[in-house]
Protein backbone atom coordinates (compact mmCIF):
# COMPACT_ATOMS: atom_id res chain seq x y z
CA UNK A 1 67.09 21.42 73.47
CA UNK A 2 68.37 23.22 76.54
CA UNK A 3 67.82 20.20 78.79
CA UNK A 4 69.10 17.40 76.56
CA UNK A 5 72.44 16.13 75.34
CA UNK A 6 70.93 14.98 72.04
CA UNK A 7 71.77 16.65 68.74
CA UNK A 8 70.17 16.18 65.36
CA UNK A 9 72.81 16.28 62.58
CA UNK A 10 70.80 17.78 59.74
CA UNK A 11 71.63 16.60 56.25
CA UNK A 12 72.93 13.08 56.93
CA UNK A 13 69.58 11.28 57.14
CA UNK A 14 70.02 7.75 55.82
CA UNK A 15 68.54 4.27 55.90
CA UNK A 16 71.87 2.45 55.62
CA UNK A 17 72.61 -0.40 58.10
CA UNK A 18 73.16 0.71 61.70
CA UNK A 19 76.89 -0.12 61.72
CA UNK A 20 77.41 1.96 58.57
CA UNK A 21 75.55 4.89 60.14
CA UNK A 22 77.77 4.74 63.24
CA UNK A 23 80.92 4.62 61.11
CA UNK A 24 79.76 7.58 59.02
CA UNK A 25 78.97 9.75 62.06
CA UNK A 26 82.18 8.86 63.90
CA UNK A 27 84.25 9.68 60.80
CA UNK A 28 83.46 13.38 61.34
CA UNK A 29 85.98 15.45 63.33
CA UNK A 30 84.70 15.92 66.87
CA UNK A 31 82.19 13.06 66.65
CA UNK A 32 84.66 10.18 67.03
CA UNK A 33 82.96 8.97 70.25
CA UNK A 34 79.37 9.95 69.37
CA UNK A 35 76.52 7.54 70.14
CA UNK A 36 73.42 7.16 67.98
CA UNK A 37 70.30 6.97 70.12
CA UNK A 38 67.86 6.42 67.24
CA UNK A 39 69.24 5.34 63.88
CA UNK A 40 67.71 6.59 60.66
CA UNK A 41 65.33 4.22 58.90
CA UNK A 42 63.19 3.92 55.80
CA UNK A 43 60.01 2.07 54.94
CA UNK A 44 59.99 0.00 51.77
CA UNK A 45 56.71 -0.45 49.94
CA UNK A 46 55.49 -1.68 46.58
CA UNK A 47 54.76 0.74 43.76
CA UNK A 48 52.16 0.65 41.00
CA UNK A 49 52.31 3.15 38.13
CA UNK A 50 49.22 5.31 38.81
CA UNK A 51 48.83 5.94 35.07
CA UNK A 52 47.52 2.36 34.94
CA UNK A 53 44.60 3.39 37.14
CA UNK A 54 41.23 4.64 35.98
CA UNK A 55 40.19 8.05 37.37
CA UNK A 56 38.14 6.14 39.97
CA UNK A 57 41.39 4.43 41.18
CA UNK A 58 40.20 1.10 39.81
CA UNK A 59 43.07 -0.72 38.10
CA UNK A 60 42.75 -1.02 34.35
CA UNK A 61 44.14 -4.56 34.44
CA UNK A 62 41.74 -6.08 37.01
CA UNK A 63 38.13 -5.00 37.25
CA UNK A 64 36.99 -4.31 40.80
CA UNK A 65 40.53 -3.90 42.19
CA UNK A 66 41.12 -0.42 43.58
CA UNK A 67 44.49 0.93 44.77
CA UNK A 68 45.03 3.69 47.31
CA UNK A 69 47.91 5.13 49.31
CA UNK A 70 51.65 4.94 48.89
CA UNK A 71 51.39 2.12 46.36
CA UNK A 72 50.18 4.83 43.93
CA UNK A 73 53.46 6.71 44.32
CA UNK A 74 52.49 9.27 46.95
CA UNK A 75 53.90 10.13 50.35
CA UNK A 76 52.01 8.95 53.41
CA UNK A 77 49.67 10.56 55.91
CA UNK A 78 47.23 13.06 54.36
CA UNK A 79 47.71 11.92 50.77
CA UNK A 80 47.24 8.26 51.70
CA UNK A 81 44.22 8.97 53.91
CA UNK A 82 42.51 10.97 51.16
CA UNK A 83 43.11 8.19 48.64
CA UNK A 84 41.75 5.59 51.02
CA UNK A 85 38.50 7.49 51.36
CA UNK A 86 38.34 8.12 47.61
CA UNK A 87 38.99 4.52 46.54
CA UNK A 88 36.57 3.19 49.16
CA UNK A 89 33.80 5.52 47.99
CA UNK A 90 34.23 4.49 44.37
CA UNK A 91 34.48 0.79 45.22
CA UNK A 92 31.19 1.08 47.12
CA UNK A 93 29.57 2.99 44.24
CA UNK A 94 30.66 0.29 41.80
CA UNK A 95 29.10 -2.41 43.98
CA UNK A 96 25.87 -0.38 43.99
CA UNK A 97 25.96 -0.05 40.20
CA UNK A 98 26.41 3.74 40.38
CA UNK A 99 28.81 5.99 38.48
CA UNK A 100 32.15 6.79 40.11
CA UNK A 101 32.62 10.04 42.00
CA UNK A 102 35.24 12.10 40.17
CA UNK A 103 35.84 15.49 41.85
CA UNK A 104 37.04 18.23 39.49
CA UNK A 105 40.33 20.10 39.86
CA UNK A 106 38.40 23.27 40.76
CA UNK A 107 36.25 21.40 43.29
CA UNK A 108 38.76 19.79 45.66
CA UNK A 109 42.47 19.23 46.25
CA UNK A 110 41.55 15.55 46.08
CA UNK A 111 40.50 16.14 42.47
CA UNK A 112 43.93 17.67 41.75
CA UNK A 113 45.78 14.79 43.41
CA UNK A 114 43.84 12.09 41.56
CA UNK A 115 44.10 13.83 38.20
CA UNK A 116 47.84 14.43 38.59
CA UNK A 117 48.48 10.80 39.49
CA UNK A 118 46.45 9.12 36.75
CA UNK A 119 47.40 11.67 34.07
CA UNK A 120 51.05 12.47 34.71
CA UNK A 121 52.31 9.63 36.88
CA UNK A 122 55.16 10.23 39.33
CA UNK A 123 58.94 10.28 39.28
CA UNK A 124 59.26 10.79 43.05
CA UNK A 125 56.84 10.47 45.99
CA UNK A 126 53.94 12.83 45.29
CA UNK A 127 52.96 15.51 47.79
CA UNK A 128 49.82 17.62 47.55
CA UNK A 129 51.17 21.18 47.38
CA UNK A 130 48.73 24.07 46.96
CA UNK A 131 50.86 25.23 44.02
CA UNK A 132 49.73 22.16 42.06
CA UNK A 133 46.17 23.52 41.90
CA UNK A 134 45.60 26.08 39.17
CA UNK A 135 42.24 27.05 40.74
CA UNK A 136 43.49 27.26 44.33
CA UNK A 137 41.65 30.54 44.96
CA UNK A 138 38.52 28.36 44.95
CA UNK A 139 40.02 25.67 47.17
CA UNK A 140 40.02 27.48 50.51
CA UNK A 141 39.68 26.08 54.00
CA UNK A 142 36.77 28.38 54.80
CA UNK A 143 34.58 27.14 51.92
CA UNK A 144 35.34 23.39 52.06
CA UNK A 145 31.86 22.74 53.42
CA UNK A 146 30.22 24.73 50.62
CA UNK A 147 32.23 22.84 47.99
CA UNK A 148 31.88 19.28 49.24
CA UNK A 149 29.09 18.74 51.78
CA UNK A 150 26.43 18.44 49.08
CA UNK A 151 28.55 15.87 47.23
CA UNK A 152 29.05 14.00 50.50
CA UNK A 153 25.30 13.99 51.06
CA UNK A 154 24.67 12.51 47.61
CA UNK A 155 27.27 9.81 48.30
CA UNK A 156 25.64 8.90 51.60
CA UNK A 157 28.55 10.12 53.73
CA UNK A 158 26.78 13.04 55.46
CA UNK A 159 24.14 12.18 58.05
CA UNK A 160 20.92 14.08 58.70
CA UNK A 161 22.27 16.07 61.66
CA UNK A 162 25.33 17.29 59.79
CA UNK A 163 23.29 18.06 56.68
CA UNK A 164 20.79 20.10 58.71
CA UNK A 165 23.61 22.10 60.34
CA UNK A 166 25.25 22.75 56.98
CA UNK A 167 21.99 23.77 55.32
CA UNK A 168 21.29 26.22 58.13
CA UNK A 169 24.77 27.74 57.88
CA UNK A 170 24.48 28.07 54.09
CA UNK A 171 21.10 29.76 54.49
CA UNK A 172 22.54 32.19 57.07
CA UNK A 173 25.50 33.03 54.84
CA UNK A 174 23.26 33.78 51.86
CA UNK A 175 21.01 35.89 54.06
CA UNK A 176 23.95 38.00 55.24
CA UNK A 177 25.30 38.40 51.71
CA UNK A 178 21.85 39.47 50.54
CA UNK A 179 21.65 41.97 53.40
CA UNK A 180 25.02 43.46 52.39
CA UNK A 181 23.80 43.81 48.78
CA UNK A 182 20.43 45.28 49.71
CA UNK A 183 21.52 47.83 52.37
CA UNK A 184 22.56 51.21 50.90
CA UNK A 185 24.05 54.26 52.57
CA UNK A 186 24.00 57.80 51.22
CA UNK A 187 26.03 60.95 51.92
CA UNK A 188 22.86 62.50 53.30
CA UNK A 189 22.44 59.76 55.95
CA UNK A 190 26.12 59.21 56.79
CA UNK A 191 27.76 62.49 57.90
CA UNK A 192 31.16 63.21 56.37
CA UNK A 193 32.89 63.14 59.76
CA UNK A 194 31.49 59.69 60.54
CA UNK A 195 32.36 58.41 57.05
CA UNK A 196 35.95 59.61 57.47
CA UNK A 197 36.19 57.98 60.89
CA UNK A 198 34.86 54.64 59.69
CA UNK A 199 35.89 54.49 56.01
CA UNK A 200 38.77 56.94 55.75
CA UNK A 201 36.93 59.45 53.57
CA UNK A 202 33.47 60.90 52.96
CA UNK A 203 31.03 59.17 50.61
CA UNK A 204 30.96 60.57 47.09
CA UNK A 205 27.61 58.97 46.26
CA UNK A 206 25.26 56.17 47.30
CA UNK A 207 26.89 52.78 48.03
CA UNK A 208 25.63 49.31 48.98
CA UNK A 209 27.40 47.85 52.02
CA UNK A 210 28.87 45.10 49.85
CA UNK A 211 30.88 47.70 47.88
CA UNK A 212 32.13 49.34 51.06
CA UNK A 213 33.20 45.95 52.46
CA UNK A 214 35.48 45.46 49.43
CA UNK A 215 37.59 48.45 50.44
CA UNK A 216 41.01 47.75 52.04
CA UNK A 217 40.93 47.93 55.81
CA UNK A 218 37.13 47.69 56.00
CA UNK A 219 35.60 44.62 57.65
CA UNK A 220 32.14 43.33 58.59
CA UNK A 221 32.15 45.15 61.91
CA UNK A 222 32.93 48.43 60.14
CA UNK A 223 30.06 48.20 57.65
CA UNK A 224 27.72 47.09 60.44
CA UNK A 225 28.56 50.31 62.30
CA UNK A 226 28.19 52.29 59.07
CA UNK A 227 24.67 50.90 58.64
CA UNK A 228 23.71 51.73 62.23
CA UNK A 229 25.16 55.24 61.96
CA UNK A 230 23.26 55.77 58.71
CA UNK A 231 20.00 54.98 60.53
CA UNK A 232 19.20 51.48 59.26
CA UNK A 233 16.92 49.95 61.83
CA UNK A 234 17.65 46.40 60.60
CA UNK A 235 21.44 46.82 60.87
CA UNK A 236 23.05 43.60 62.12
CA UNK A 237 26.19 43.50 64.27
CA UNK A 238 28.51 40.66 65.16
CA UNK A 239 26.99 40.65 68.64
CA UNK A 240 23.42 40.21 67.37
CA UNK A 241 24.52 37.36 65.08
CA UNK A 242 26.36 35.68 67.95
CA UNK A 243 23.27 35.96 70.11
CA UNK A 244 21.19 34.38 67.34
CA UNK A 245 23.58 31.68 66.03
CA UNK A 246 26.20 31.22 68.73
CA UNK A 247 29.71 32.73 68.66
CA UNK A 248 31.51 30.08 66.59
CA UNK A 249 28.79 29.81 63.95
CA UNK A 250 28.34 33.58 63.66
CA UNK A 251 32.08 34.20 63.32
CA UNK A 252 32.34 31.50 60.61
CA UNK A 253 29.48 33.05 58.63
CA UNK A 254 31.02 36.53 58.95
CA UNK A 255 34.43 35.27 57.85
CA UNK A 256 32.96 33.59 54.78
CA UNK A 257 30.91 36.67 53.94
CA UNK A 258 34.02 38.87 54.14
CA UNK A 259 36.17 36.55 52.01
CA UNK A 260 33.42 36.03 49.43
CA UNK A 261 32.92 39.79 49.13
CA UNK A 262 36.53 40.97 49.14
CA UNK A 263 37.72 38.38 46.62
CA UNK A 264 34.60 38.38 44.46
CA UNK A 265 36.34 39.94 41.45
CA UNK A 266 39.19 37.44 41.52
CA UNK A 267 36.82 34.53 42.14
CA UNK A 268 34.59 35.55 39.21
CA UNK A 269 37.65 35.74 36.97
CA UNK A 270 38.73 32.26 38.04
CA UNK A 271 35.19 30.95 37.52
CA UNK A 272 35.47 32.12 33.91
CA UNK A 273 38.72 30.14 33.61
CA UNK A 274 37.00 27.08 35.11
CA UNK A 275 34.19 27.34 32.55
CA UNK A 276 36.67 27.54 29.69
CA UNK A 277 38.59 24.53 31.00
CA UNK A 278 35.34 22.60 31.53
CA UNK A 279 34.76 22.50 27.77
CA UNK A 280 37.62 20.02 27.43
CA UNK A 281 36.86 18.17 30.68
CA UNK A 282 33.36 17.25 29.47
CA UNK A 283 34.63 15.52 26.32
CA UNK A 284 35.20 11.85 27.11
CA UNK A 285 37.74 9.92 25.05
CA UNK A 286 36.50 6.36 24.40
CA UNK A 287 38.77 3.61 25.67
CA UNK A 288 38.68 1.93 22.26
CA UNK A 289 39.77 5.07 20.38
CA UNK A 290 42.54 4.04 17.96
CA UNK A 291 45.10 6.82 18.26
CA UNK A 292 47.22 5.28 15.53
CA UNK A 293 44.53 6.46 13.09
CA UNK A 294 45.01 10.10 14.11
CA UNK A 295 47.73 10.52 11.52
CA UNK A 296 48.00 14.28 12.02
CA UNK A 297 49.62 13.59 15.39
CA UNK A 298 53.29 12.74 15.71
CA UNK A 299 54.20 9.11 16.29
CA UNK A 300 55.45 9.97 19.79
CA UNK A 301 52.17 11.66 20.78
CA UNK A 302 50.16 8.73 19.43
CA UNK A 303 52.31 6.37 21.47
CA UNK A 304 51.81 8.38 24.67
CA UNK A 305 48.04 8.57 24.21
CA UNK A 306 47.82 4.86 23.41
CA UNK A 307 49.91 3.93 26.44
CA UNK A 308 48.12 6.09 29.00
CA UNK A 309 44.62 6.34 27.47
CA UNK A 310 43.39 9.57 29.13
CA UNK A 311 39.73 9.58 30.11
CA UNK A 312 38.94 13.11 28.85
CA UNK A 313 40.38 15.65 26.48
CA UNK A 314 41.31 17.75 29.52
CA UNK A 315 43.38 14.90 30.96
CA UNK A 316 45.11 14.47 27.61
CA UNK A 317 46.02 18.17 27.60
CA UNK A 318 47.74 17.80 30.98
CA UNK A 319 49.86 14.81 29.98
CA UNK A 320 53.61 15.32 29.76
CA UNK A 321 54.69 15.83 26.15
CA UNK A 322 51.20 16.64 24.82
CA UNK A 323 51.21 20.13 23.30
CA UNK A 324 48.23 22.46 22.74
CA UNK A 325 48.72 21.90 19.00
CA UNK A 326 48.35 18.14 19.50
CA UNK A 327 45.12 18.69 21.45
CA UNK A 328 43.77 20.85 18.64
CA UNK A 329 44.55 18.13 16.08
CA UNK A 330 42.94 15.49 18.30
CA UNK A 331 39.83 17.66 18.67
CA UNK A 332 39.61 18.01 14.88
CA UNK A 333 39.80 14.22 14.56
CA UNK A 334 37.08 13.76 17.18
CA UNK A 335 34.76 16.22 15.44
CA UNK A 336 35.28 14.47 12.12
CA UNK A 337 34.19 11.23 13.73
CA UNK A 338 31.67 12.75 16.09
CA UNK A 339 29.16 9.96 15.78
CA UNK A 340 31.70 7.36 16.86
CA UNK A 341 33.98 9.17 19.27
CA UNK A 342 32.81 12.50 20.67
CA UNK A 343 30.45 12.27 23.62
CA UNK A 344 29.89 14.16 26.86
CA UNK A 345 31.30 12.79 30.09
CA UNK A 346 29.22 11.43 32.98
CA UNK A 347 26.53 13.79 34.15
CA UNK A 348 26.60 15.99 31.03
CA UNK A 349 23.67 16.30 28.67
CA UNK A 350 24.21 14.88 25.20
């Protein structure tokens, strides 16, 4: 800083004893008389291989014992806080005799974190990067409420006031999306000069507002003006929505409507990928499945599956060292023994 005599020597962070840190710094030319105001430090904590956890974060070894936080091999702060909530929810559900809550990888970053930990384990402290989520187009900040509030309500974590506010917002969003789909403009009602001013070129044929909103550079305010110019008496502007809902709520609804519309093609494509992946996620692998009897698999693959015992076929596919060919062979084995092994996961119809 401009008003301090402190310097941070990047690249020599360490948790060695204080006297060793001083000696190391003062060994550098020009720093022979340097003082350390705050020595580097580290926090030591116990570690438990997260592959020995069930997907609910209950330990396989001791029933009713749930682990959360850095003991599972993650970094602190957000990752630890998320795990604390997750393990607490599932511990409470177990006490109530209810099934565990297991968010999917396409449903929440928490689902990605949990699945990565219990399926792959860790070789260094785990951080929740967006790049770890293959369906991250779904996992946006603007739609977190749409993805998870209903689940929170079912778990008893969302009170009546919050649920009412969410339900109202969801209703408003659907109403605006429906309005965008149902409102059409035609070349006859939108003069070419006005179309060029607002959209960059004249209309070639009739369009719904939702199609116009998908164009680059066109936003909600633009299509609202298009609708008014085209003579739609029920045209809604940002100002009218703010007057009805309040500024913050109206702006949030408009933002979600814009994102949902502009990225609809990409989102639909990813939804198709989610549905294909769900086929494997819904196949539960019994804990007593004897992988040594799946002789088509290599000895190494059988060892890995026996050691880690994935909960679903999808988890098995994400394990290190498990190839698509191995999953195909395992699926063949499961179908051969369908009566004994193959069954849908929790919440799926048989």
